[in-house]
């Protein structure tokens, strides 16, 4: 069946939401806390028994995402602890008072966003999950369950998620891992799982189902260049990144800044990938002020510069990037966008653009940037010197005010 990548390569920027009872301990890697601290199901109930998201307002979450320039969402319906953040008919281990996932889908869909659901293949509380071979609080203990029962549970819940909430654009699995005794294809019955998914949701994209995923997902790292398959063809990919080193809510203080986040977004787009930026709401269901402030800062930049992101990718090889800069390229409009990570001293030379440039302007306010044609030379990969006819841009003395990364829009001659 045909997979729908059209929105994926157009939208480029999404919100990842890690939210569950693990927001209550509020420690770094709390979503792994039960495994890390070997907490029993009985002791873990101190969180599930007292989880009370009384401040939960999905409309506010969706507004924050939309104003930040995000175009899609991926929400954790179930993480590794097995606790369901939706009204599953196949378990009692869930939040009972509201269908949190359903409300989130409604709020984000109302704003025209694509919908993604995260579902953990691992489940630490299901008695038939094979904990003898998996990261699990009981890892190493003899397994006495029935894997076929767990597989049925897995299929039942995935079918439930893909039939209960209308059109789903992306399903994001997690928890697969390499183990010489653990055959991912067999243990998940991955071929039949994919077949069922595509029958239920034609066009859906699948992430991290081993051997059946539709794009690569580097985590907390950014490729140094675009990603390519063994034949050299560009690959679809999405980097999943965090604001402060963790996924769930934490009071950790080592937060990224707005300029760092803007540059992160650009490093994904210029290498042909998407940015899925994570937020971790509090256990009471609100997005904390620090996170909201960072999203607002991103949104202020995106308000003026989104056309250098949406529908864009890395520039063709014929346009080498000046030092301290990145190019994005809109292949439909044949327009280049020069992102300046460091503001140059009054001028910047753009190799290979001499005689090709029709008009240039600062994207933030549409003011003209004058240019002339010069002959120059530049290094290819820091070694070979190449003569080039360059466009020399004449820049203001100082960069635009309150702009973390200035962008110059470059219109090329036909």
Protein backbone atom coordinates (compact mmCIF):
# COMPACT_ATOMS: atom_id res chain seq x y z
CA UNK A 1 0.00 0.00 0.00
CA UNK A 2 1.14 3.52 -0.78
CA UNK A 3 2.63 5.37 2.18
CA UNK A 4 1.80 9.06 2.53
CA UNK A 5 5.05 11.00 2.94
CA UNK A 6 3.61 14.22 1.50
CA UNK A 7 2.77 15.83 4.86
CA UNK A 8 5.93 14.45 6.48
CA UNK A 9 8.34 16.23 4.13
CA UNK A 10 6.20 19.38 4.04
CA UNK A 11 5.63 19.88 7.76
CA UNK A 12 9.17 19.17 9.04
CA UNK A 13 8.46 20.10 12.69
CA UNK A 14 6.44 18.16 15.25
CA UNK A 15 5.77 17.92 18.98
CA UNK A 16 6.64 14.74 20.89
CA UNK A 17 4.79 14.40 24.21
CA UNK A 18 6.12 12.09 26.92
CA UNK A 19 3.49 12.10 29.63
CA UNK A 20 2.50 9.49 32.17
CA UNK A 21 2.66 8.60 35.84
CA UNK A 22 6.47 8.77 35.52
CA UNK A 23 6.07 12.57 35.59
CA UNK A 24 5.45 12.26 39.34
CA UNK A 25 8.98 11.31 40.51
CA UNK A 26 10.22 14.09 38.16
CA UNK A 27 13.73 12.66 37.96
CA UNK A 28 15.91 12.39 34.90
CA UNK A 29 14.90 9.26 32.95
CA UNK A 30 11.84 8.79 35.14
CA UNK A 31 10.13 6.97 32.28
CA UNK A 32 12.76 4.24 32.92
CA UNK A 33 12.58 4.57 36.71
CA UNK A 34 10.77 1.30 37.35
CA UNK A 35 13.50 -0.56 35.47
CA UNK A 36 16.45 1.47 36.79
CA UNK A 37 15.43 1.20 40.46
CA UNK A 38 13.88 -2.28 40.11
CA UNK A 39 10.55 -1.05 41.51
CA UNK A 40 7.92 -3.75 41.95
CA UNK A 41 4.44 -3.34 40.48
CA UNK A 42 3.10 -3.02 44.02
CA UNK A 43 5.49 -0.20 44.91
CA UNK A 44 4.93 1.50 41.54
CA UNK A 45 1.26 1.80 42.46
CA UNK A 46 2.12 4.79 44.67
CA UNK A 47 2.28 6.70 41.39
CA UNK A 48 -0.65 5.14 39.56
CA UNK A 49 -2.91 5.45 42.62
CA UNK A 50 -2.21 9.17 43.01
CA UNK A 51 -1.95 10.31 39.39
CA UNK A 52 -4.39 13.23 39.15
CA UNK A 53 -3.96 15.53 36.10
CA UNK A 54 -6.41 18.14 37.31
CA UNK A 55 -4.80 20.92 35.25
CA UNK A 56 -4.88 18.97 31.97
CA UNK A 57 -6.07 21.20 29.12
CA UNK A 58 -5.25 19.77 25.68
CA UNK A 59 -6.46 22.94 23.99
CA UNK A 60 -3.62 24.86 25.65
CA UNK A 61 -1.11 22.20 24.58
CA UNK A 62 -2.31 22.37 20.99
CA UNK A 63 -2.16 26.18 21.02
CA UNK A 64 1.44 26.11 22.26
CA UNK A 65 2.39 23.65 19.53
CA UNK A 66 0.64 25.60 16.77
CA UNK A 67 2.17 28.91 17.86
CA UNK A 68 5.62 27.28 17.95
CA UNK A 69 5.20 26.34 14.29
CA UNK A 70 4.75 22.61 14.92
CA UNK A 71 2.62 20.80 12.35
CA UNK A 72 2.15 17.35 13.89
CA UNK A 73 2.08 15.61 17.26
CA UNK A 74 3.18 12.21 18.58
CA UNK A 75 1.67 11.33 21.96
CA UNK A 76 2.68 8.46 24.27
CA UNK A 77 -0.46 6.33 24.54
CA UNK A 78 1.50 3.70 26.48
CA UNK A 79 5.11 3.77 27.66
CA UNK A 80 7.26 0.90 28.94
CA UNK A 81 5.51 0.79 32.32
CA UNK A 82 2.37 -0.37 30.52
CA UNK A 83 0.13 2.35 31.97
CA UNK A 84 -2.35 3.44 29.30
CA UNK A 85 -3.12 7.10 28.83
CA UNK A 86 -6.29 6.23 26.97
CA UNK A 87 -9.44 4.23 27.65
CA UNK A 88 -8.24 0.80 26.52
CA UNK A 89 -10.76 -1.99 26.59
CA UNK A 90 -8.04 -4.60 27.14
CA UNK A 91 -6.60 -3.57 30.49
CA UNK A 92 -7.52 -1.96 33.78
CA UNK A 93 -4.02 -0.50 34.08
CA UNK A 94 -5.01 2.90 32.72
CA UNK A 95 -6.30 6.32 33.65
CA UNK A 96 -10.03 5.84 34.19
CA UNK A 97 -11.50 9.31 34.53
CA UNK A 98 -10.87 10.70 31.04
CA UNK A 99 -9.67 9.47 27.67
CA UNK A 100 -6.55 11.64 27.65
CA UNK A 101 -5.38 10.50 24.22
CA UNK A 102 -8.78 11.10 22.66
CA UNK A 103 -8.91 14.66 23.98
CA UNK A 104 -5.40 15.38 22.73
CA UNK A 105 -6.19 14.03 19.26
CA UNK A 106 -9.34 16.18 19.07
CA UNK A 107 -7.51 19.34 20.17
CA UNK A 108 -4.54 18.94 17.80
CA UNK A 109 -6.65 17.77 14.87
CA UNK A 110 -8.88 20.85 15.30
CA UNK A 111 -5.79 22.94 14.52
CA UNK A 112 -5.08 21.03 11.32
CA UNK A 113 -2.20 18.96 12.69
CA UNK A 114 -1.26 15.44 11.67
CA UNK A 115 -1.73 12.84 14.40
CA UNK A 116 0.86 10.35 15.61
CA UNK A 117 0.56 7.75 18.38
CA UNK A 118 3.52 6.37 20.35
CA UNK A 119 3.08 2.80 21.60
CA UNK A 120 5.68 0.86 23.58
CA UNK A 121 6.33 -2.70 22.45
CA UNK A 122 7.77 -3.30 25.92
CA UNK A 123 5.32 -3.68 28.82
CA UNK A 124 6.73 -4.14 32.32
CA UNK A 125 3.41 -4.88 34.01
CA UNK A 126 1.86 -7.41 31.63
CA UNK A 127 2.37 -10.89 33.11
CA UNK A 128 3.05 -12.47 29.70
CA UNK A 129 5.71 -10.04 28.53
CA UNK A 130 9.02 -12.00 28.26
CA UNK A 131 11.04 -10.22 30.90
CA UNK A 132 13.82 -12.81 30.87
CA UNK A 133 15.11 -11.35 27.58
CA UNK A 134 14.11 -7.69 27.89
CA UNK A 135 14.98 -4.51 29.81
CA UNK A 136 12.63 -5.12 32.72
CA UNK A 137 12.59 -4.79 36.53
CA UNK A 138 12.54 -8.61 36.63
CA UNK A 139 15.24 -9.05 33.98
CA UNK A 140 17.23 -12.24 34.47
CA UNK A 141 14.48 -14.08 36.34
CA UNK A 142 12.94 -17.19 34.75
CA UNK A 143 9.98 -16.37 32.53
CA UNK A 144 6.81 -18.39 33.16
CA UNK A 145 4.35 -16.44 31.01
CA UNK A 146 2.95 -17.05 27.54
CA UNK A 147 4.37 -14.83 24.84
CA UNK A 148 1.45 -15.65 22.53
CA UNK A 149 -0.91 -14.06 25.05
CA UNK A 150 1.19 -10.91 25.10
CA UNK A 151 1.35 -10.81 21.32
CA UNK A 152 -2.46 -10.99 21.17
CA UNK A 153 -2.63 -8.11 23.69
CA UNK A 154 -0.22 -6.12 21.53
CA UNK A 155 -2.29 -6.68 18.36
CA UNK A 156 -5.54 -5.95 20.19
CA UNK A 157 -4.30 -2.62 21.52
CA UNK A 158 -2.74 -1.50 18.24
CA UNK A 159 -5.99 -2.39 16.43
CA UNK A 160 -7.88 -0.45 19.09
CA UNK A 161 -5.71 2.65 18.69
CA UNK A 162 -6.06 2.60 14.91
CA UNK A 163 -9.83 2.15 14.81
CA UNK A 164 -11.02 4.31 17.69
CA UNK A 165 -9.75 7.78 16.80
CA UNK A 166 -10.27 8.35 13.08
CA UNK A 167 -7.39 8.89 10.68
CA UNK A 168 -3.97 8.33 12.25
CA UNK A 169 -1.00 9.55 10.22
CA UNK A 170 1.88 7.97 12.12
CA UNK A 171 2.39 5.14 14.60
CA UNK A 172 5.63 5.38 16.56
CA UNK A 173 6.74 2.14 18.21
CA UNK A 174 9.48 1.95 20.83
CA UNK A 175 11.21 -0.71 22.87
CA UNK A 176 12.64 -2.94 20.16
CA UNK A 177 16.21 -3.94 20.87
CA UNK A 178 18.93 -6.25 19.67
CA UNK A 179 19.44 -9.43 21.61
CA UNK A 180 20.88 -12.66 20.26
CA UNK A 181 18.09 -14.60 21.96
CA UNK A 182 15.33 -12.16 21.06
CA UNK A 183 14.10 -12.26 17.47
CA UNK A 184 12.23 -8.98 16.94
CA UNK A 185 10.53 -10.23 13.77
CA UNK A 186 9.24 -13.34 15.51
CA UNK A 187 8.51 -11.98 18.95
CA UNK A 188 6.26 -9.17 17.66
CA UNK A 189 5.08 -11.10 14.58
CA UNK A 190 6.15 -7.88 12.87
CA UNK A 191 5.16 -8.79 9.29
CA UNK A 192 1.57 -9.49 10.27
CA UNK A 193 1.52 -6.50 12.59
CA UNK A 194 2.54 -4.24 9.71
CA UNK A 195 -0.05 -5.87 7.43
CA UNK A 196 -2.81 -5.22 9.97
CA UNK A 197 -1.69 -1.60 10.48
CA UNK A 198 -1.71 -0.80 6.77
CA UNK A 199 -5.11 -2.43 6.28
CA UNK A 200 -6.59 -0.37 9.11
CA UNK A 201 -4.90 2.92 8.20
CA UNK A 202 -3.92 3.14 4.50
CA UNK A 203 -1.11 5.65 3.97
CA UNK A 204 0.04 5.58 7.60
CA UNK A 205 3.76 5.90 8.35
CA UNK A 206 5.36 3.38 10.72
CA UNK A 207 8.31 4.20 12.97
CA UNK A 208 10.62 1.76 14.79
CA UNK A 209 8.91 -1.52 14.01
CA UNK A 210 12.07 -3.57 13.33
CA UNK A 211 12.40 -4.38 9.64
CA UNK A 212 9.15 -2.58 8.80
CA UNK A 213 9.77 1.08 9.59
CA UNK A 214 9.28 3.82 7.01
CA UNK A 215 11.97 6.27 8.12
CA UNK A 216 15.06 6.48 10.31
CA UNK A 217 14.82 7.97 13.82
CA UNK A 218 18.13 9.16 15.27
CA UNK A 219 17.59 9.93 18.97
CA UNK A 220 19.26 12.87 20.75
CA UNK A 221 21.80 13.11 17.94
CA UNK A 222 21.85 14.89 14.58
CA UNK A 223 23.50 13.34 11.51
CA UNK A 224 26.46 15.34 10.24
CA UNK A 225 24.98 15.18 6.75
CA UNK A 226 21.85 13.88 5.06
CA UNK A 227 20.96 10.20 5.47
CA UNK A 228 21.26 7.90 2.45
CA UNK A 229 20.48 4.26 1.71
CA UNK A 230 23.01 1.71 0.43
CA UNK A 231 22.37 2.89 -3.15
CA UNK A 232 23.05 6.52 -2.28
CA UNK A 233 19.42 7.66 -2.39
CA UNK A 234 18.23 10.21 0.21
CA UNK A 235 16.31 8.64 3.10
CA UNK A 236 13.35 9.95 5.02
CA UNK A 237 14.33 10.61 8.62
CA UNK A 238 13.17 12.29 11.81
CA UNK A 239 15.35 13.24 14.75
CA UNK A 240 13.68 13.04 18.16
CA UNK A 241 15.20 15.59 20.52
CA UNK A 242 14.72 16.92 24.06
CA UNK A 243 14.70 20.31 25.76
CA UNK A 244 16.80 19.39 28.78
CA UNK A 245 18.35 15.92 28.52
CA UNK A 246 15.26 13.92 29.56
CA UNK A 247 11.93 12.88 28.10
CA UNK A 248 9.43 13.07 30.96
CA UNK A 249 8.91 16.07 33.24
CA UNK A 250 11.92 16.91 35.36
CA UNK A 251 13.17 19.86 37.37
CA UNK A 252 16.61 19.49 35.80
CA UNK A 253 18.11 22.93 35.10
CA UNK A 254 20.33 22.26 32.07
CA UNK A 255 17.89 23.55 29.50
CA UNK A 256 18.60 24.40 25.89
CA UNK A 257 18.12 28.02 24.80
CA UNK A 258 15.92 29.38 22.02
CA UNK A 259 18.91 30.03 19.70
CA UNK A 260 20.09 26.45 20.28
CA UNK A 261 16.64 25.10 19.47
CA UNK A 262 16.37 27.18 16.30
CA UNK A 263 19.78 25.92 15.18
CA UNK A 264 18.70 22.36 16.02
CA UNK A 265 15.62 22.75 13.81
CA UNK A 266 17.78 24.07 11.00
CA UNK A 267 20.32 21.27 11.29
CA UNK A 268 17.49 18.81 10.77
CA UNK A 269 15.90 20.65 7.84
CA UNK A 270 19.18 21.35 6.04
CA UNK A 271 20.00 17.64 6.14
CA UNK A 272 16.63 16.61 4.78
CA UNK A 273 15.07 15.51 8.07
CA UNK A 274 12.27 16.39 10.48
CA UNK A 275 12.56 17.58 14.06
CA UNK A 276 10.28 15.91 16.61
CA UNK A 277 10.84 18.06 19.69
CA UNK A 278 9.78 16.59 23.01
CA UNK A 279 7.91 18.20 25.87
CA UNK A 280 7.21 16.57 29.23
CA UNK A 281 4.08 17.92 30.95
CA UNK A 282 3.81 17.82 34.75
CA UNK A 283 1.81 15.13 36.54
CA UNK A 284 -0.97 17.68 37.05
CA UNK A 285 -1.29 18.01 33.28
CA UNK A 286 0.17 21.43 32.52
CA UNK A 287 3.19 22.41 30.43
CA UNK A 288 5.54 24.27 32.76
CA UNK A 289 6.45 27.92 32.21
CA UNK A 290 10.04 27.21 31.16
CA UNK A 291 8.90 24.86 28.39
CA UNK A 292 6.13 27.24 27.33
CA UNK A 293 8.66 30.08 27.13
CA UNK A 294 10.98 28.08 24.89
CA UNK A 295 8.11 27.11 22.61
CA UNK A 296 7.03 30.75 22.46
CA UNK A 297 10.57 31.76 21.48
CA UNK A 298 10.60 29.15 18.74
CA UNK A 299 7.19 30.34 17.62
CA UNK A 300 8.35 33.95 17.39
CA UNK A 301 11.17 32.90 15.08
CA UNK A 302 8.90 30.60 13.05
CA UNK A 303 6.32 33.38 12.64
CA UNK A 304 8.74 35.21 10.35
CA UNK A 305 10.86 32.33 9.02
CA UNK A 306 8.59 29.31 8.58
CA UNK A 307 8.79 29.41 4.81
CA UNK A 308 12.48 28.59 5.18
CA UNK A 309 11.42 25.36 6.97
CA UNK A 310 8.10 24.06 5.60
CA UNK A 311 8.59 22.12 2.38
CA UNK A 312 12.34 22.66 2.53
CA UNK A 313 15.33 20.37 2.62
CA UNK A 314 19.11 20.64 2.22
CA UNK A 315 20.47 22.64 -0.72
CA UNK A 316 21.78 20.92 -3.86
CA UNK A 317 25.51 20.18 -3.81
CA UNK A 318 26.13 22.93 -6.38
CA UNK A 319 25.54 25.50 -3.63
CA UNK A 320 28.32 25.12 -1.00
CA UNK A 321 27.49 26.66 2.36
CA UNK A 322 29.57 29.61 3.58
CA UNK A 323 31.35 29.15 6.90
CA UNK A 324 29.04 29.50 9.89
CA UNK A 325 25.92 29.23 7.74
CA UNK A 326 23.34 26.68 6.63
CA UNK A 327 21.18 26.58 3.52
CA UNK A 328 17.64 25.31 3.26
CA UNK A 329 16.14 24.83 -0.17
CA UNK A 330 12.57 24.81 -1.35
CA UNK A 331 12.66 22.52 -4.40
CA UNK A 332 9.19 23.53 -5.56
CA UNK A 333 9.88 27.28 -5.50
CA UNK A 334 13.60 26.91 -6.38
CA UNK A 335 14.41 29.29 -3.53
CA UNK A 336 17.47 29.25 -1.26
CA UNK A 337 17.44 30.37 2.36
CA UNK A 338 20.69 31.37 3.98
CA UNK A 339 20.68 30.88 7.78
CA UNK A 340 23.44 32.80 9.52
CA UNK A 341 24.56 31.18 12.78
CA UNK A 342 27.17 33.95 13.14
CA UNK A 343 26.61 37.48 11.86
CA UNK A 344 29.39 38.44 9.38
CA UNK A 345 31.21 41.78 9.29
CA UNK A 346 29.28 43.82 6.72
CA UNK A 347 29.46 41.25 3.90
CA UNK A 348 29.33 37.59 3.03
CA UNK A 349 30.35 35.79 -0.17
CA UNK A 350 28.13 33.03 -1.54
CA UNK A 351 30.19 30.70 -3.76
CA UNK A 352 28.69 29.54 -7.07
CA UNK A 353 25.90 32.13 -6.91
CA UNK A 354 27.57 34.77 -9.07
CA UNK A 355 25.29 35.63 -11.99
CA UNK A 356 22.52 33.40 -10.60
CA UNK A 357 20.97 35.68 -8.01
CA UNK A 358 17.95 37.78 -8.93
CA UNK A 359 17.00 39.30 -5.57
CA UNK A 360 17.84 38.93 -1.87
CA UNK A 361 16.06 40.04 1.29
CA UNK A 362 16.07 39.56 5.03
CA UNK A 363 13.20 37.20 5.70
CA UNK A 364 12.30 38.70 9.09
CA UNK A 365 11.08 42.00 7.62
CA UNK A 366 11.43 41.73 3.84
CA UNK A 367 14.12 44.41 3.55
CA UNK A 368 16.36 44.27 0.49
CA UNK A 369 19.90 42.94 0.75
CA UNK A 370 22.06 44.41 -2.01
CA UNK A 371 24.69 42.28 -3.72
CA UNK A 372 27.41 42.34 -6.33
CA UNK A 373 29.32 39.72 -8.30
CA UNK A 374 32.93 38.91 -7.37
CA UNK A 375 35.49 36.24 -8.15
CA UNK A 376 36.61 34.27 -5.14
CA UNK A 377 37.92 30.88 -4.09
CA UNK A 378 36.79 28.49 -1.41
CA UNK A 379 37.80 25.17 0.03
CA UNK A 380 35.94 21.94 -0.61
CA UNK A 381 35.93 19.85 2.57
CA UNK A 382 38.74 21.98 3.92
CA UNK A 383 41.19 20.88 1.25
CA UNK A 384 40.79 21.51 -2.50
CA UNK A 385 40.70 25.19 -3.47
CA UNK A 386 38.05 26.06 -6.06
CA UNK A 387 37.69 29.28 -8.07
CA UNK A 388 34.15 30.57 -8.14
CA UNK A 389 31.99 33.44 -9.26
CA UNK A 390 30.30 34.45 -6.02
CA UNK A 391 27.49 36.76 -5.01
CA UNK A 392 28.71 39.20 -2.36
CA UNK A 393 25.93 40.31 -0.04
CA UNK A 394 26.21 43.73 1.61
CA UNK A 395 24.92 43.34 5.18
CA UNK A 396 23.93 45.81 7.90
CA UNK A 397 26.47 46.38 10.64
CA UNK A 398 24.36 44.51 13.19
CA UNK A 399 22.02 41.55 12.94
CA UNK A 400 18.23 41.93 13.15
CA UNK A 401 17.03 42.60 16.68
CA UNK A 402 15.69 39.70 18.74
CA UNK A 403 16.38 37.19 15.97
CA UNK A 404 18.27 34.07 17.17
CA UNK A 405 19.17 33.03 13.61
CA UNK A 406 18.76 35.62 10.83
CA UNK A 407 17.70 34.29 7.42
CA UNK A 408 18.27 35.78 3.96
CA UNK A 409 15.88 34.69 1.24
CA UNK A 410 17.65 34.23 -2.09
CA UNK A 411 15.61 34.30 -5.29
CA UNK A 412 17.44 32.67 -8.19
CA UNK A 413 17.18 33.57 -11.85
CA UNK A 414 15.15 31.19 -13.99
